[in-house]
Amino acid sequence: MTVPPALDPEIITRVDNGVGRITLNRPKAIHALNRSMCEAMIAALLAWRDDAAVKSVLIDHAGERGFCAGGDIRMIADSGAGDGVDAKAFFLSEYRLNDLMFGYAKPITAIVDGIVMGGGVGISEPADVRIATERTTYAMPETGIGLYPEVGGGWFLPRLPGQTGVWIGLTGARLKAADTVALGIHTHFVPSEAVEALKTDLLAEAADPAAVAARHGRDAGPAPLLTRREAIDRLFAFDTVEEIFAALEADGSDWALAQLATLKTKSPTSLKVTLRHIREGAKAASFSDNMAVEYAVSGRIGATHDFQEGVRAVIVDKDNAPRWSPADLSGVTQATLDALFAPLADNEKWTPLA
């Protein structure tokens, strides 16, 4: 008996005129990543890596709601409440995908038209050409659900200008294209109405997507964040979250107090994990080394009270009233952080794909 192909696969892969194409196809979930999606992308990228007929790779998405809203947070929480096996398997595949993309020998283009958060950042930031549109909304909002900015956040955030990566990671700030292009998060701005023409040209000039993007790129407009750079670089330059809180309070400006108010809604544990991860990630010897650290931390944090509570408050009950524990920064000890960041045993460590 012939088995019919799966209807509406969550990842569509094909080669089109020398371009390996990956289309995210889970629009109702804003293409939130699960393990099978990551494995499908890995399989395609491995198949194309040594295929001389494939000159470059293009990642886009179906529908208009967004590029990718993150990972399958509900599954991670459910798994973390138990033995954690499924969550760790997902992180293993997801981080191997991130790492494979980061070191890929052929140029990758990601068209980030709409929402891009969490796991979506992980599959777009490693791309060589990163296209934003006026519909793009970028964020790493993990501290609001008891998590931390992983999927390569420990590598990318500290390498943004000044202290902007610290500010983004701690506050979960949402940025539009003018700011993301100004910071280098995205390489080009292309109006959404011009994306199809861009894709047509990418397929006509498969070997040089950067040149195509440069031709299609437009001015994203003034970046509001640039007016805040001095304050961000001054107030977020510290190595403890307590010092950042104190600096914001002492500054006293409306903007600084607004940032402080935002930070006080986040998980205190997540804030401290995030700042440590960004500071240590700045010194990481390689992207793979950073991903190994993230695999260790992520495999543990799913079982913590704050992650379970954050998912309950934001995703399950949607009351947006998480009860963090510890409830303030003073309760988050160095021992707690050291335990989360402790290296894994040799037989449990994350390893990149060969």
C-alpha atoms as a PDB file:
ATOM      1  CA  MET A   1       0.000   0.000   0.000  1.00  0.00           C
ATOM      2  CA  THR A   2       1.310   3.459  -0.882  1.00  0.00           C
ATOM      3  CA  VAL A   3       1.486   5.811   2.076  1.00  0.00           C
ATOM      4  CA  PRO A   4       0.413   9.323   1.079  1.00  0.00           C
ATOM      5  CA  PRO A   5       2.786  12.165   1.911  1.00  0.00           C
ATOM      6  CA  ALA A   6       2.095  14.154   5.070  1.00  0.00           C
ATOM      7  CA  LEU A   7      -0.274  17.035   4.538  1.00  0.00           C
ATOM      8  CA  ASP A   8       1.146  20.481   5.243  1.00  0.00           C
ATOM      9  CA  PRO A   9       4.636  19.507   6.430  1.00  0.00           C
ATOM     10  CA  GLU A  10       5.958  21.879   9.083  1.00  0.00           C
ATOM     11  CA  ILE A  11       9.170  22.392   7.093  1.00  0.00           C
ATOM     12  CA  ILE A  12       9.202  22.556   3.292  1.00  0.00           C
ATOM     13  CA  THR A  13      12.602  21.962   1.683  1.00  0.00           C
ATOM     14  CA  ARG A  14      13.540  21.962  -1.992  1.00  0.00           C
ATOM     15  CA  VAL A  15      16.272  23.151  -4.366  1.00  0.00           C
ATOM     16  CA  ASP A  16      15.210  25.919  -6.723  1.00  0.00           C
ATOM     17  CA  ASN A  17      17.645  27.120  -9.401  1.00  0.00           C
ATOM     18  CA  GLY A  18      20.713  26.590  -7.256  1.00  0.00           C
ATOM     19  CA  VAL A  19      19.140  27.812  -4.001  1.00  0.00           C
ATOM     20  CA  GLY A  20      18.414  25.387  -1.197  1.00  0.00           C
ATOM     21  CA  ARG A  21      15.094  26.617   0.146  1.00  0.00           C
ATOM     22  CA  ILE A  22      13.744  26.078   3.667  1.00  0.00           C
ATOM     23  CA  THR A  23      10.255  27.398   4.353  1.00  0.00           C
ATOM     24  CA  LEU A  24       8.841  27.335   7.874  1.00  0.00           C
ATOM     25  CA  ASN A  25       5.285  26.060   7.513  1.00  0.00           C
ATOM     26  CA  ARG A  26       3.602  26.087  10.907  1.00  0.00           C
ATOM     27  CA  PRO A  27       1.791  29.427  10.585  1.00  0.00           C
ATOM     28  CA  LYS A  28      -0.887  28.870  13.247  1.00  0.00           C
ATOM     29  CA  ALA A  29       1.895  28.614  15.842  1.00  0.00           C
ATOM     30  CA  ILE A  30       3.899  31.423  14.189  1.00  0.00           C
ATOM     31  CA  HIS A  31       6.320  28.659  13.183  1.00  0.00           C
ATOM     32  CA  ALA A  32       7.387  27.866  16.761  1.00  0.00           C
ATOM     33  CA  LEU A  33      10.119  25.270  16.501  1.00  0.00           C
ATOM     34  CA  ASN A  34       9.817  21.682  17.631  1.00  0.00           C
ATOM     35  CA  ARG A  35      12.351  18.884  17.438  1.00  0.00           C
ATOM     36  CA  SER A  36      11.107  17.439  14.140  1.00  0.00           C
ATOM     37  CA  MET A  37      11.338  20.860  12.482  1.00  0.00           C
ATOM     38  CA  CYS A  38      14.931  21.251  13.649  1.00  0.00           C
ATOM     39  CA  GLU A  39      15.810  17.763  12.429  1.00  0.00           C
ATOM     40  CA  ALA A  40      14.248  18.438   9.027  1.00  0.00           C
ATOM     41  CA  MET A  41      16.314  21.605   8.619  1.00  0.00           C
ATOM     42  CA  ILE A  42      19.468  19.803   9.714  1.00  0.00           C
ATOM     43  CA  ALA A  43      18.875  17.023   7.179  1.00  0.00           C
ATOM     44  CA  ALA A  44      18.420  19.526   4.358  1.00  0.00           C
ATOM     45  CA  LEU A  45      21.493  21.571   5.281  1.00  0.00           C
ATOM     46  CA  LEU A  46      23.653  18.443   5.530  1.00  0.00           C
ATOM     47  CA  ALA A  47      22.406  17.215   2.149  1.00  0.00           C
ATOM     48  CA  TRP A  48      23.180  20.562   0.511  1.00  0.00           C
ATOM     49  CA  ARG A  49      26.511  21.170   2.195  1.00  0.00           C
ATOM     50  CA  ASP A  50      28.534  19.175  -0.318  1.00  0.00           C
ATOM     51  CA  ASP A  51      26.125  19.455  -3.243  1.00  0.00           C
ATOM     52  CA  ALA A  52      27.825  21.543  -5.920  1.00  0.00           C
ATOM     53  CA  ALA A  53      24.459  22.358  -7.464  1.00  0.00           C
ATOM     54  CA  VAL A  54      23.417  24.283  -4.330  1.00  0.00           C
ATOM     55  CA  LYS A  55      25.082  27.706  -4.237  1.00  0.00           C
ATOM     56  CA  SER A  56      23.269  29.286  -1.286  1.00  0.00           C
ATOM     57  CA  VAL A  57      20.398  28.732   1.148  1.00  0.00           C
ATOM     58  CA  LEU A  58      17.233  30.780   1.670  1.00  0.00           C
ATOM     59  CA  ILE A  59      15.082  30.535   4.809  1.00  0.00           C
ATOM     60  CA  ASP A  60      11.630  32.095   4.795  1.00  0.00           C
ATOM     61  CA  HIS A  61       8.161  31.358   6.160  1.00  0.00           C
ATOM     62  CA  ALA A  62       4.592  30.791   5.056  1.00  0.00           C
ATOM     63  CA  GLY A  63       1.819  33.204   6.018  1.00  0.00           C
ATOM     64  CA  GLU A  64       2.029  36.765   7.282  1.00  0.00           C
ATOM     65  CA  ARG A  65       1.991  36.486  11.088  1.00  0.00           C
ATOM     66  CA  GLY A  66       5.721  36.210  11.523  1.00  0.00           C
ATOM     67  CA  PHE A  67       8.990  34.406  10.878  1.00  0.00           C
ATOM     68  CA  CYS A  68       9.277  32.377  14.091  1.00  0.00           C
ATOM     69  CA  ALA A  69       7.936  33.147  17.564  1.00  0.00           C
ATOM     70  CA  GLY A  70      10.355  30.833  19.383  1.00  0.00           C
ATOM     71  CA  GLY A  71      10.542  27.228  20.477  1.00  0.00           C
ATOM     72  CA  ASP A  72       7.983  24.791  21.801  1.00  0.00           C
ATOM     73  CA  ILE A  73       7.966  26.268  25.298  1.00  0.00           C
ATOM     74  CA  ARG A  74       4.980  24.258  26.510  1.00  0.00           C
ATOM     75  CA  MET A  75       6.712  20.968  25.662  1.00  0.00           C
ATOM     76  CA  ILE A  76       9.908  22.101  27.383  1.00  0.00           C
ATOM     77  CA  ALA A  77       7.966  22.963  30.537  1.00  0.00           C
ATOM     78  CA  ASP A  78       6.031  19.699  30.525  1.00  0.00           C
ATOM     79  CA  SER A  79       9.236  17.746  30.037  1.00  0.00           C
ATOM     80  CA  GLY A  80      11.081  19.790  32.660  1.00  0.00           C
ATOM     81  CA  ALA A  81       8.368  18.969  35.181  1.00  0.00           C
ATOM     82  CA  GLY A  82       9.206  15.301  34.634  1.00  0.00           C
ATOM     83  CA  ASP A  83      12.452  13.631  33.582  1.00  0.00           C
ATOM     84  CA  GLY A  84      13.506  16.372  31.136  1.00  0.00           C
ATOM     85  CA  VAL A  85      14.422  13.872  28.420  1.00  0.00           C
ATOM     86  CA  ASP A  86      12.281  15.391  25.665  1.00  0.00           C
ATOM     87  CA  ALA A  87      13.443  18.926  26.476  1.00  0.00           C
ATOM     88  CA  LYS A  88      17.100  17.912  26.336  1.00  0.00           C
ATOM     89  CA  ALA A  89      16.554  16.103  23.031  1.00  0.00           C
ATOM     90  CA  PHE A  90      14.974  19.244  21.615  1.00  0.00           C
ATOM     91  CA  PHE A  91      17.828  21.457  22.832  1.00  0.00           C
ATOM     92  CA  LEU A  92      20.364  19.002  21.399  1.00  0.00           C
ATOM     93  CA  SER A  93      18.809  19.238  17.931  1.00  0.00           C
ATOM     94  CA  GLU A  94      18.054  22.959  18.081  1.00  0.00           C
ATOM     95  CA  TYR A  95      21.553  23.925  19.175  1.00  0.00           C
ATOM     96  CA  ARG A  96      23.142  21.617  16.603  1.00  0.00           C
ATOM     97  CA  LEU A  97      21.040  23.383  13.974  1.00  0.00           C
ATOM     98  CA  ASN A  98      22.139  26.804  15.229  1.00  0.00           C
ATOM     99  CA  ASP A  99      25.774  25.702  15.174  1.00  0.00           C
ATOM    100  CA  LEU A 100      25.504  24.081  11.726  1.00  0.00           C
ATOM    101  CA  MET A 101      24.094  27.323  10.322  1.00  0.00           C
ATOM    102  CA  PHE A 102      26.721  29.481  12.026  1.00  0.00           C
ATOM    103  CA  GLY A 103      29.604  27.626  10.422  1.00  0.00           C
ATOM    104  CA  TYR A 104      27.919  26.762   7.130  1.00  0.00           C
ATOM    105  CA  ALA A 105      30.196  26.911   4.102  1.00  0.00           C
ATOM    106  CA  LYS A 106      27.571  28.426   1.782  1.00  0.00           C
ATOM    107  CA  PRO A 107      25.841  31.777   2.260  1.00  0.00           C
ATOM    108  CA  ILE A 108      22.501  31.659   4.064  1.00  0.00           C
ATOM    109  CA  THR A 109      19.807  34.304   3.680  1.00  0.00           C
ATOM    110  CA  ALA A 110      17.008  34.649   6.232  1.00  0.00           C
ATOM    111  CA  ILE A 111      13.978  36.790   5.404  1.00  0.00           C
ATOM    112  CA  VAL A 112      12.653  37.877   8.783  1.00  0.00           C
ATOM    113  CA  ASP A 113       9.293  39.361   7.833  1.00  0.00           C
ATOM    114  CA  GLY A 114       7.273  39.720  11.041  1.00  0.00           C
ATOM    115  CA  ILE A 115       7.777  38.373  14.551  1.00  0.00           C
ATOM    116  CA  VAL A 116      11.192  36.911  15.336  1.00  0.00           C
ATOM    117  CA  MET A 117      11.809  35.874  18.918  1.00  0.00           C
ATOM    118  CA  GLY A 118      13.755  33.253  20.832  1.00  0.00           C
ATOM    119  CA  GLY A 119      14.236  30.210  18.615  1.00  0.00           C
ATOM    120  CA  GLY A 120      13.511  32.360  15.566  1.00  0.00           C
ATOM    121  CA  VAL A 121      16.527  34.473  16.441  1.00  0.00           C
ATOM    122  CA  GLY A 122      18.529  31.253  16.692  1.00  0.00           C
ATOM    123  CA  ILE A 123      17.785  30.312  13.072  1.00  0.00           C
ATOM    124  CA  SER A 124      18.215  33.795  11.609  1.00  0.00           C
ATOM    125  CA  GLU A 125      21.166  35.376  13.411  1.00  0.00           C
ATOM    126  CA  PRO A 126      23.661  32.792  12.074  1.00  0.00           C
ATOM    127  CA  ALA A 127      22.650  33.684   8.497  1.00  0.00           C
ATOM    128  CA  ASP A 128      25.014  35.805   6.417  1.00  0.00           C
ATOM    129  CA  VAL A 129      22.198  37.956   4.995  1.00  0.00           C
ATOM    130  CA  ARG A 130      19.384  38.874   7.388  1.00  0.00           C
ATOM    131  CA  ILE A 131      16.483  40.787   5.851  1.00  0.00           C
ATOM    132  CA  ALA A 132      14.073  42.787   8.016  1.00  0.00           C
ATOM    133  CA  THR A 133      10.848  44.449   6.867  1.00  0.00           C
ATOM    134  CA  GLU A 134       8.532  47.058   8.379  1.00  0.00           C
ATOM    135  CA  ARG A 135       6.598  44.130   9.901  1.00  0.00           C
ATOM    136  CA  THR A 136       9.641  42.784  11.747  1.00  0.00           C
ATOM    137  CA  THR A 137       9.451  42.704  15.545  1.00  0.00           C
ATOM    138  CA  TYR A 138      12.580  41.314  17.200  1.00  0.00           C
ATOM    139  CA  ALA A 139      12.893  40.338  20.858  1.00  0.00           C
ATOM    140  CA  MET A 140      14.570  37.982  23.278  1.00  0.00           C
ATOM    141  CA  PRO A 141      11.805  37.964  25.920  1.00  0.00           C
ATOM    142  CA  GLU A 142      12.950  34.953  27.935  1.00  0.00           C
ATOM    143  CA  THR A 143      13.448  36.653  31.326  1.00  0.00           C
ATOM    144  CA  GLY A 144       9.675  37.157  31.408  1.00  0.00           C
ATOM    145  CA  ILE A 145       9.038  33.398  31.482  1.00  0.00           C
ATOM    146  CA  GLY A 146      11.819  32.320  33.813  1.00  0.00           C
ATOM    147  CA  LEU A 147      14.199  31.415  30.999  1.00  0.00           C
ATOM    148  CA  TYR A 148      17.244  33.248  29.557  1.00  0.00           C
ATOM    149  CA  PRO A 149      18.289  34.284  26.024  1.00  0.00           C
ATOM    150  CA  GLU A 150      19.794  31.083  24.631  1.00  0.00           C
ATOM    151  CA  VAL A 151      19.835  29.779  20.997  1.00  0.00           C
ATOM    152  CA  GLY A 152      23.165  31.593  20.634  1.00  0.00           C
ATOM    153  CA  GLY A 153      22.197  34.629  22.700  1.00  0.00           C
ATOM    154  CA  GLY A 154      25.344  34.251  24.776  1.00  0.00           C
ATOM    155  CA  TRP A 155      27.348  34.783  21.590  1.00  0.00           C
ATOM    156  CA  PHE A 156      25.296  37.367  19.682  1.00  0.00           C
ATOM    157  CA  LEU A 157      24.109  39.687  22.457  1.00  0.00           C
ATOM    158  CA  PRO A 158      27.524  40.629  23.916  1.00  0.00           C
ATOM    159  CA  ARG A 159      28.757  41.344  20.387  1.00  0.00           C
ATOM    160  CA  LEU A 160      26.143  44.005  19.729  1.00  0.00           C
ATOM    161  CA  PRO A 161      27.290  47.643  20.085  1.00  0.00           C
ATOM    162  CA  GLY A 162      28.034  48.816  23.616  1.00  0.00           C
ATOM    163  CA  GLN A 163      25.674  47.431  26.248  1.00  0.00           C
ATOM    164  CA  THR A 164      22.680  47.095  23.935  1.00  0.00           C
ATOM    165  CA  GLY A 165      22.817  43.302  24.136  1.00  0.00           C
ATOM    166  CA  VAL A 166      22.613  43.416  27.922  1.00  0.00           C
ATOM    167  CA  TRP A 167      19.637  45.780  27.740  1.00  0.00           C
ATOM    168  CA  ILE A 168      17.875  43.599  25.151  1.00  0.00           C
ATOM    169  CA  GLY A 169      18.530  40.391  27.086  1.00  0.00           C
ATOM    170  CA  LEU A 170      17.457  41.692  30.486  1.00  0.00           C
ATOM    171  CA  THR A 171      14.416  43.765  29.528  1.00  0.00           C
ATOM    172  CA  GLY A 172      13.092  41.685  26.613  1.00  0.00           C
ATOM    173  CA  ALA A 173      12.691  44.929  24.654  1.00  0.00           C
ATOM    174  CA  ARG A 174      10.894  44.646  21.319  1.00  0.00           C
ATOM    175  CA  LEU A 175      12.665  46.319  18.405  1.00  0.00           C
ATOM    176  CA  LYS A 176      11.533  47.306  14.927  1.00  0.00           C
ATOM    177  CA  ALA A 177      13.638  47.191  11.773  1.00  0.00           C
ATOM    178  CA  ALA A 178      15.187  50.671  12.060  1.00  0.00           C
ATOM    179  CA  ASP A 179      16.776  49.663  15.349  1.00  0.00           C
ATOM    180  CA  THR A 180      17.694  46.104  14.387  1.00  0.00           C
ATOM    181  CA  VAL A 181      19.453  47.249  11.221  1.00  0.00           C
ATOM    182  CA  ALA A 182      21.227  50.063  13.077  1.00  0.00           C
ATOM    183  CA  LEU A 183      22.534  47.542  15.615  1.00  0.00           C
ATOM    184  CA  GLY A 184      23.547  44.992  12.974  1.00  0.00           C
ATOM    185  CA  ILE A 185      21.038  42.392  14.143  1.00  0.00           C
ATOM    186  CA  HIS A 186      19.690  42.469  10.595  1.00  0.00           C
ATOM    187  CA  THR A 187      21.856  43.362   7.631  1.00  0.00           C
ATOM    188  CA  HIS A 188      19.259  44.919   5.303  1.00  0.00           C
ATOM    189  CA  PHE A 189      15.809  46.490   5.298  1.00  0.00           C
ATOM    190  CA  VAL A 190      13.475  45.565   2.443  1.00  0.00           C
ATOM    191  CA  PRO A 191       9.802  46.656   2.415  1.00  0.00           C
ATOM    192  CA  SER A 192       7.456  43.681   2.664  1.00  0.00           C
ATOM    193  CA  GLU A 193       5.894  44.564  -0.679  1.00  0.00           C
ATOM    194  CA  ALA A 194       9.307  44.069  -2.302  1.00  0.00           C
ATOM    195  CA  VAL A 195      10.133  40.708  -0.725  1.00  0.00           C
ATOM    196  CA  GLU A 196       8.822  38.635  -3.641  1.00  0.00           C
ATOM    197  CA  ALA A 197      10.974  40.611  -6.091  1.00  0.00           C
ATOM    198  CA  LEU A 198      13.929  40.054  -3.767  1.00  0.00           C
ATOM    199  CA  LYS A 199      13.293  36.305  -3.776  1.00  0.00           C
ATOM    200  CA  THR A 200      13.051  36.271  -7.560  1.00  0.00           C
ATOM    201  CA  ASP A 201      16.460  37.910  -7.833  1.00  0.00           C
ATOM    202  CA  LEU A 202      17.953  35.628  -5.199  1.00  0.00           C
ATOM    203  CA  LEU A 203      16.916  32.652  -7.317  1.00  0.00           C
ATOM    204  CA  ALA A 204      18.429  34.287 -10.408  1.00  0.00           C
ATOM    205  CA  GLU A 205      21.767  34.986  -8.669  1.00  0.00           C
ATOM    206  CA  ALA A 206      22.093  32.073  -6.285  1.00  0.00           C
ATOM    207  CA  ALA A 207      25.810  32.459  -5.624  1.00  0.00           C
ATOM    208  CA  ASP A 208      25.779  36.059  -4.355  1.00  0.00           C
ATOM    209  CA  PRO A 209      22.806  36.808  -2.090  1.00  0.00           C
ATOM    210  CA  ALA A 210      24.632  39.684  -0.385  1.00  0.00           C
ATOM    211  CA  ALA A 211      24.847  41.586  -3.669  1.00  0.00           C
ATOM    212  CA  VAL A 212      21.161  40.970  -4.342  1.00  0.00           C
ATOM    213  CA  ALA A 213      20.207  42.159  -0.856  1.00  0.00           C
ATOM    214  CA  ALA A 214      22.337  45.268  -1.254  1.00  0.00           C
ATOM    215  CA  ARG A 215      20.460  46.164  -4.444  1.00  0.00           C
ATOM    216  CA  HIS A 216      17.083  45.686  -2.851  1.00  0.00           C
ATOM    217  CA  GLY A 217      17.969  47.219   0.504  1.00  0.00           C
ATOM    218  CA  ARG A 218      16.298  50.481   1.493  1.00  0.00           C
ATOM    219  CA  ASP A 219      16.712  53.004   4.295  1.00  0.00           C
ATOM    220  CA  ALA A 220      14.910  51.683   7.370  1.00  0.00           C
ATOM    221  CA  GLY A 221      14.496  55.203   8.724  1.00  0.00           C
ATOM    222  CA  PRO A 222      15.825  56.803  11.909  1.00  0.00           C
ATOM    223  CA  ALA A 223      16.615  54.391  14.735  1.00  0.00           C
ATOM    224  CA  PRO A 224      14.933  55.524  17.985  1.00  0.00           C
ATOM    225  CA  LEU A 225      17.363  53.454  20.033  1.00  0.00           C
ATOM    226  CA  LEU A 226      20.328  55.573  18.974  1.00  0.00           C
ATOM    227  CA  THR A 227      19.042  58.402  21.160  1.00  0.00           C
ATOM    228  CA  ARG A 228      19.241  56.026  24.155  1.00  0.00           C
ATOM    229  CA  ARG A 229      22.685  54.599  23.475  1.00  0.00           C
ATOM    230  CA  GLU A 230      24.542  56.795  25.953  1.00  0.00           C
ATOM    231  CA  ALA A 231      22.139  55.872  28.738  1.00  0.00           C
ATOM    232  CA  ILE A 232      22.146  52.172  27.857  1.00  0.00           C
ATOM    233  CA  ASP A 233      25.931  51.977  27.709  1.00  0.00           C
ATOM    234  CA  ARG A 234      26.281  53.814  31.031  1.00  0.00           C
ATOM    235  CA  LEU A 235      23.486  52.186  33.029  1.00  0.00           C
ATOM    236  CA  PHE A 236      23.849  48.580  31.831  1.00  0.00           C
ATOM    237  CA  ALA A 237      27.638  48.363  32.025  1.00  0.00           C
ATOM    238  CA  PHE A 238      27.784  46.623  35.402  1.00  0.00           C
ATOM    239  CA  ASP A 239      28.536  43.004  36.214  1.00  0.00           C
ATOM    240  CA  THR A 240      25.723  42.529  38.742  1.00  0.00           C
ATOM    241  CA  VAL A 241      22.013  43.052  38.292  1.00  0.00           C
ATOM    242  CA  GLU A 242      21.893  44.834  41.650  1.00  0.00           C
ATOM    243  CA  GLU A 243      24.288  47.491  40.352  1.00  0.00           C
ATOM    244  CA  ILE A 244      22.178  47.960  37.228  1.00  0.00           C
ATOM    245  CA  PHE A 245      19.055  48.411  39.366  1.00  0.00           C
ATOM    246  CA  ALA A 246      20.868  50.946  41.547  1.00  0.00           C
ATOM    247  CA  ALA A 247      22.185  52.880  38.539  1.00  0.00           C
ATOM    248  CA  LEU A 248      18.740  53.078  36.956  1.00  0.00           C
ATOM    249  CA  GLU A 249      17.199  54.293  40.201  1.00  0.00           C
ATOM    250  CA  ALA A 250      19.939  56.846  40.771  1.00  0.00           C
ATOM    251  CA  ASP A 251      19.614  58.157  37.222  1.00  0.00           C
ATOM    252  CA  GLY A 252      15.973  58.956  37.911  1.00  0.00           C
ATOM    253  CA  SER A 253      14.990  59.853  34.343  1.00  0.00           C
ATOM    254  CA  ASP A 254      11.610  58.698  33.068  1.00  0.00           C
ATOM    255  CA  TRP A 255      13.311  56.300  30.670  1.00  0.00           C
ATOM    256  CA  ALA A 256      15.598  54.805  33.333  1.00  0.00           C
ATOM    257  CA  LEU A 257      12.730  54.344  35.785  1.00  0.00           C
ATOM    258  CA  ALA A 258      10.660  52.710  33.046  1.00  0.00           C
ATOM    259  CA  GLN A 259      13.476  50.211  32.435  1.00  0.00           C
ATOM    260  CA  LEU A 260      13.693  49.541  36.161  1.00  0.00           C
ATOM    261  CA  ALA A 261       9.968  48.950  36.387  1.00  0.00           C
ATOM    262  CA  THR A 262      10.183  46.500  33.498  1.00  0.00           C
ATOM    263  CA  LEU A 263      13.095  44.636  35.071  1.00  0.00           C
ATOM    264  CA  LYS A 264      11.202  44.285  38.361  1.00  0.00           C
ATOM    265  CA  THR A 265       8.534  42.252  36.546  1.00  0.00           C
ATOM    266  CA  LYS A 266      11.092  39.693  35.348  1.00  0.00           C
ATOM    267  CA  SER A 267      12.313  36.561  37.091  1.00  0.00           C
ATOM    268  CA  PRO A 268      15.153  37.594  39.445  1.00  0.00           C
ATOM    269  CA  THR A 269      16.859  34.267  38.777  1.00  0.00           C
ATOM    270  CA  SER A 270      16.561  34.743  35.021  1.00  0.00           C
ATOM    271  CA  LEU A 271      17.998  38.245  35.250  1.00  0.00           C
ATOM    272  CA  LYS A 272      21.089  36.988  37.048  1.00  0.00           C
ATOM    273  CA  VAL A 273      21.472  33.978  34.735  1.00  0.00           C
ATOM    274  CA  THR A 274      21.147  36.250  31.698  1.00  0.00           C
ATOM    275  CA  LEU A 275      23.729  38.801  32.820  1.00  0.00           C
ATOM    276  CA  ARG A 276      26.227  36.092  33.741  1.00  0.00           C
ATOM    277  CA  HIS A 277      25.636  34.330  30.426  1.00  0.00           C
ATOM    278  CA  ILE A 278      26.191  37.501  28.400  1.00  0.00           C
ATOM    279  CA  ARG A 279      29.321  38.485  30.313  1.00  0.00           C
ATOM    280  CA  GLU A 280      30.816  34.992  30.027  1.00  0.00           C
ATOM    281  CA  GLY A 281      29.660  34.641  26.422  1.00  0.00           C
ATOM    282  CA  ALA A 282      31.677  37.731  25.519  1.00  0.00           C
ATOM    283  CA  LYS A 283      34.782  35.697  26.367  1.00  0.00           C
ATOM    284  CA  ALA A 284      33.720  32.452  24.652  1.00  0.00           C
ATOM    285  CA  ALA A 285      36.391  31.104  22.320  1.00  0.00           C
ATOM    286  CA  SER A 286      33.889  29.917  19.708  1.00  0.00           C
ATOM    287  CA  PHE A 287      30.189  29.753  18.922  1.00  0.00           C
ATOM    288  CA  SER A 288      30.279  26.001  19.603  1.00  0.00           C
ATOM    289  CA  ASP A 289      31.736  26.595  23.057  1.00  0.00           C
ATOM    290  CA  ASN A 290      28.884  28.968  23.809  1.00  0.00           C
ATOM    291  CA  MET A 291      26.311  26.423  22.642  1.00  0.00           C
ATOM    292  CA  ALA A 292      27.809  23.791  24.937  1.00  0.00           C
ATOM    293  CA  VAL A 293      27.284  26.141  27.887  1.00  0.00           C
ATOM    294  CA  GLU A 294      23.712  26.847  26.800  1.00  0.00           C
ATOM    295  CA  TYR A 295      22.938  23.149  26.540  1.00  0.00           C
ATOM    296  CA  ALA A 296      24.075  22.628  30.128  1.00  0.00           C
ATOM    297  CA  VAL A 297      22.103  25.591  31.490  1.00  0.00           C
ATOM    298  CA  SER A 298      18.973  24.959  29.408  1.00  0.00           C
ATOM    299  CA  GLY A 299      18.817  21.315  30.413  1.00  0.00           C
ATOM    300  CA  ARG A 300      18.593  22.402  34.048  1.00  0.00           C
ATOM    301  CA  ILE A 301      16.520  25.551  33.929  1.00  0.00           C
ATOM    302  CA  GLY A 302      13.444  23.787  32.535  1.00  0.00           C
ATOM    303  CA  ALA A 303      12.951  22.100  35.904  1.00  0.00           C
ATOM    304  CA  THR A 304      13.197  25.309  37.938  1.00  0.00           C
ATOM    305  CA  HIS A 305      10.259  26.885  39.710  1.00  0.00           C
ATOM    306  CA  ASP A 306      10.514  30.141  37.787  1.00  0.00           C
ATOM    307  CA  PHE A 307      10.390  28.548  34.345  1.00  0.00           C
ATOM    308  CA  GLN A 308       7.434  26.362  35.307  1.00  0.00           C
ATOM    309  CA  GLU A 309       5.706  29.389  36.836  1.00  0.00           C
ATOM    310  CA  GLY A 310       6.525  31.674  33.925  1.00  0.00           C
ATOM    311  CA  VAL A 311       5.034  29.245  31.421  1.00  0.00           C
ATOM    312  CA  ARG A 312       1.952  28.865  33.627  1.00  0.00           C
ATOM    313  CA  ALA A 313       1.445  32.615  33.880  1.00  0.00           C
ATOM    314  CA  VAL A 314       2.161  33.579  30.281  1.00  0.00           C
ATOM    315  CA  ILE A 315       1.232  30.536  28.182  1.00  0.00           C
ATOM    316  CA  VAL A 316      -1.107  28.261  30.180  1.00  0.00           C
ATOM    317  CA  ASP A 317      -3.307  30.415  32.440  1.00  0.00           C
ATOM    318  CA  LYS A 318      -2.366  33.665  30.694  1.00  0.00           C
ATOM    319  CA  ASP A 319      -2.906  35.715  33.841  1.00  0.00           C
ATOM    320  CA  ASN A 320       0.510  37.360  33.299  1.00  0.00           C
ATOM    321  CA  ALA A 321       1.040  37.360  37.047  1.00  0.00           C
ATOM    322  CA  PRO A 322       3.977  35.040  37.717  1.00  0.00           C
ATOM    323  CA  ARG A 323       4.966  34.456  41.334  1.00  0.00           C
ATOM    324  CA  TRP A 324       8.745  34.263  41.186  1.00  0.00           C
ATOM    325  CA  SER A 325      10.775  32.398  43.790  1.00  0.00           C
ATOM    326  CA  PRO A 326      13.046  33.841  45.010  1.00  0.00           C
ATOM    327  CA  ALA A 327      10.923  36.969  44.627  1.00  0.00           C
ATOM    328  CA  ASP A 328      13.847  39.404  44.676  1.00  0.00           C
ATOM    329  CA  LEU A 329      17.473  39.540  43.615  1.00  0.00           C
ATOM    330  CA  SER A 330      18.869  39.049  47.113  1.00  0.00           C
ATOM    331  CA  GLY A 331      17.459  35.528  47.199  1.00  0.00           C
ATOM    332  CA  VAL A 332      19.344  34.389  44.090  1.00  0.00           C
ATOM    333  CA  THR A 333      22.626  33.049  45.427  1.00  0.00           C
ATOM    334  CA  GLN A 334      25.949  32.506  43.748  1.00  0.00           C
ATOM    335  CA  ALA A 335      25.594  28.813  44.550  1.00  0.00           C
ATOM    336  CA  THR A 336      22.336  28.686  42.574  1.00  0.00           C
ATOM    337  CA  LEU A 337      24.024  30.256  39.552  1.00  0.00           C
ATOM    338  CA  ASP A 338      27.091  28.032  39.837  1.00  0.00           C
ATOM    339  CA  ALA A 339      24.870  24.945  39.882  1.00  0.00           C
ATOM    340  CA  LEU A 340      23.024  26.043  36.729  1.00  0.00           C
ATOM    341  CA  PHE A 341      26.277  26.801  34.893  1.00  0.00           C
ATOM    342  CA  ALA A 342      28.250  23.767  36.093  1.00  0.00           C
ATOM    343  CA  PRO A 343      29.849  21.760  33.263  1.00  0.00           C
ATOM    344  CA  LEU A 344      28.136  18.519  32.321  1.00  0.00           C
ATOM    345  CA  ALA A 345      29.792  15.134  32.663  1.00  0.00           C
ATOM    346  CA  ASP A 346      31.738  14.120  29.569  1.00  0.00           C
ATOM    347  CA  ASN A 347      29.100  11.589  28.497  1.00  0.00           C
ATOM    348  CA  GLU A 348      26.321  14.213  28.762  1.00  0.00           C
ATOM    349  CA  LYS A 349      27.969  17.201  27.065  1.00  0.00           C
ATOM    350  CA  TRP A 350      26.589  18.828  23.935  1.00  0.00           C
ATOM    351  CA  THR A 351      28.601  18.186  20.792  1.00  0.00           C
ATOM    352  CA  PRO A 352      28.277  19.795  17.367  1.00  0.00           C
ATOM    353  CA  LEU A 353      27.539  17.819  14.231  1.00  0.00           C
ATOM    354  CA  ALA A 354      30.567  16.499  12.393  1.00  0.00           C
END
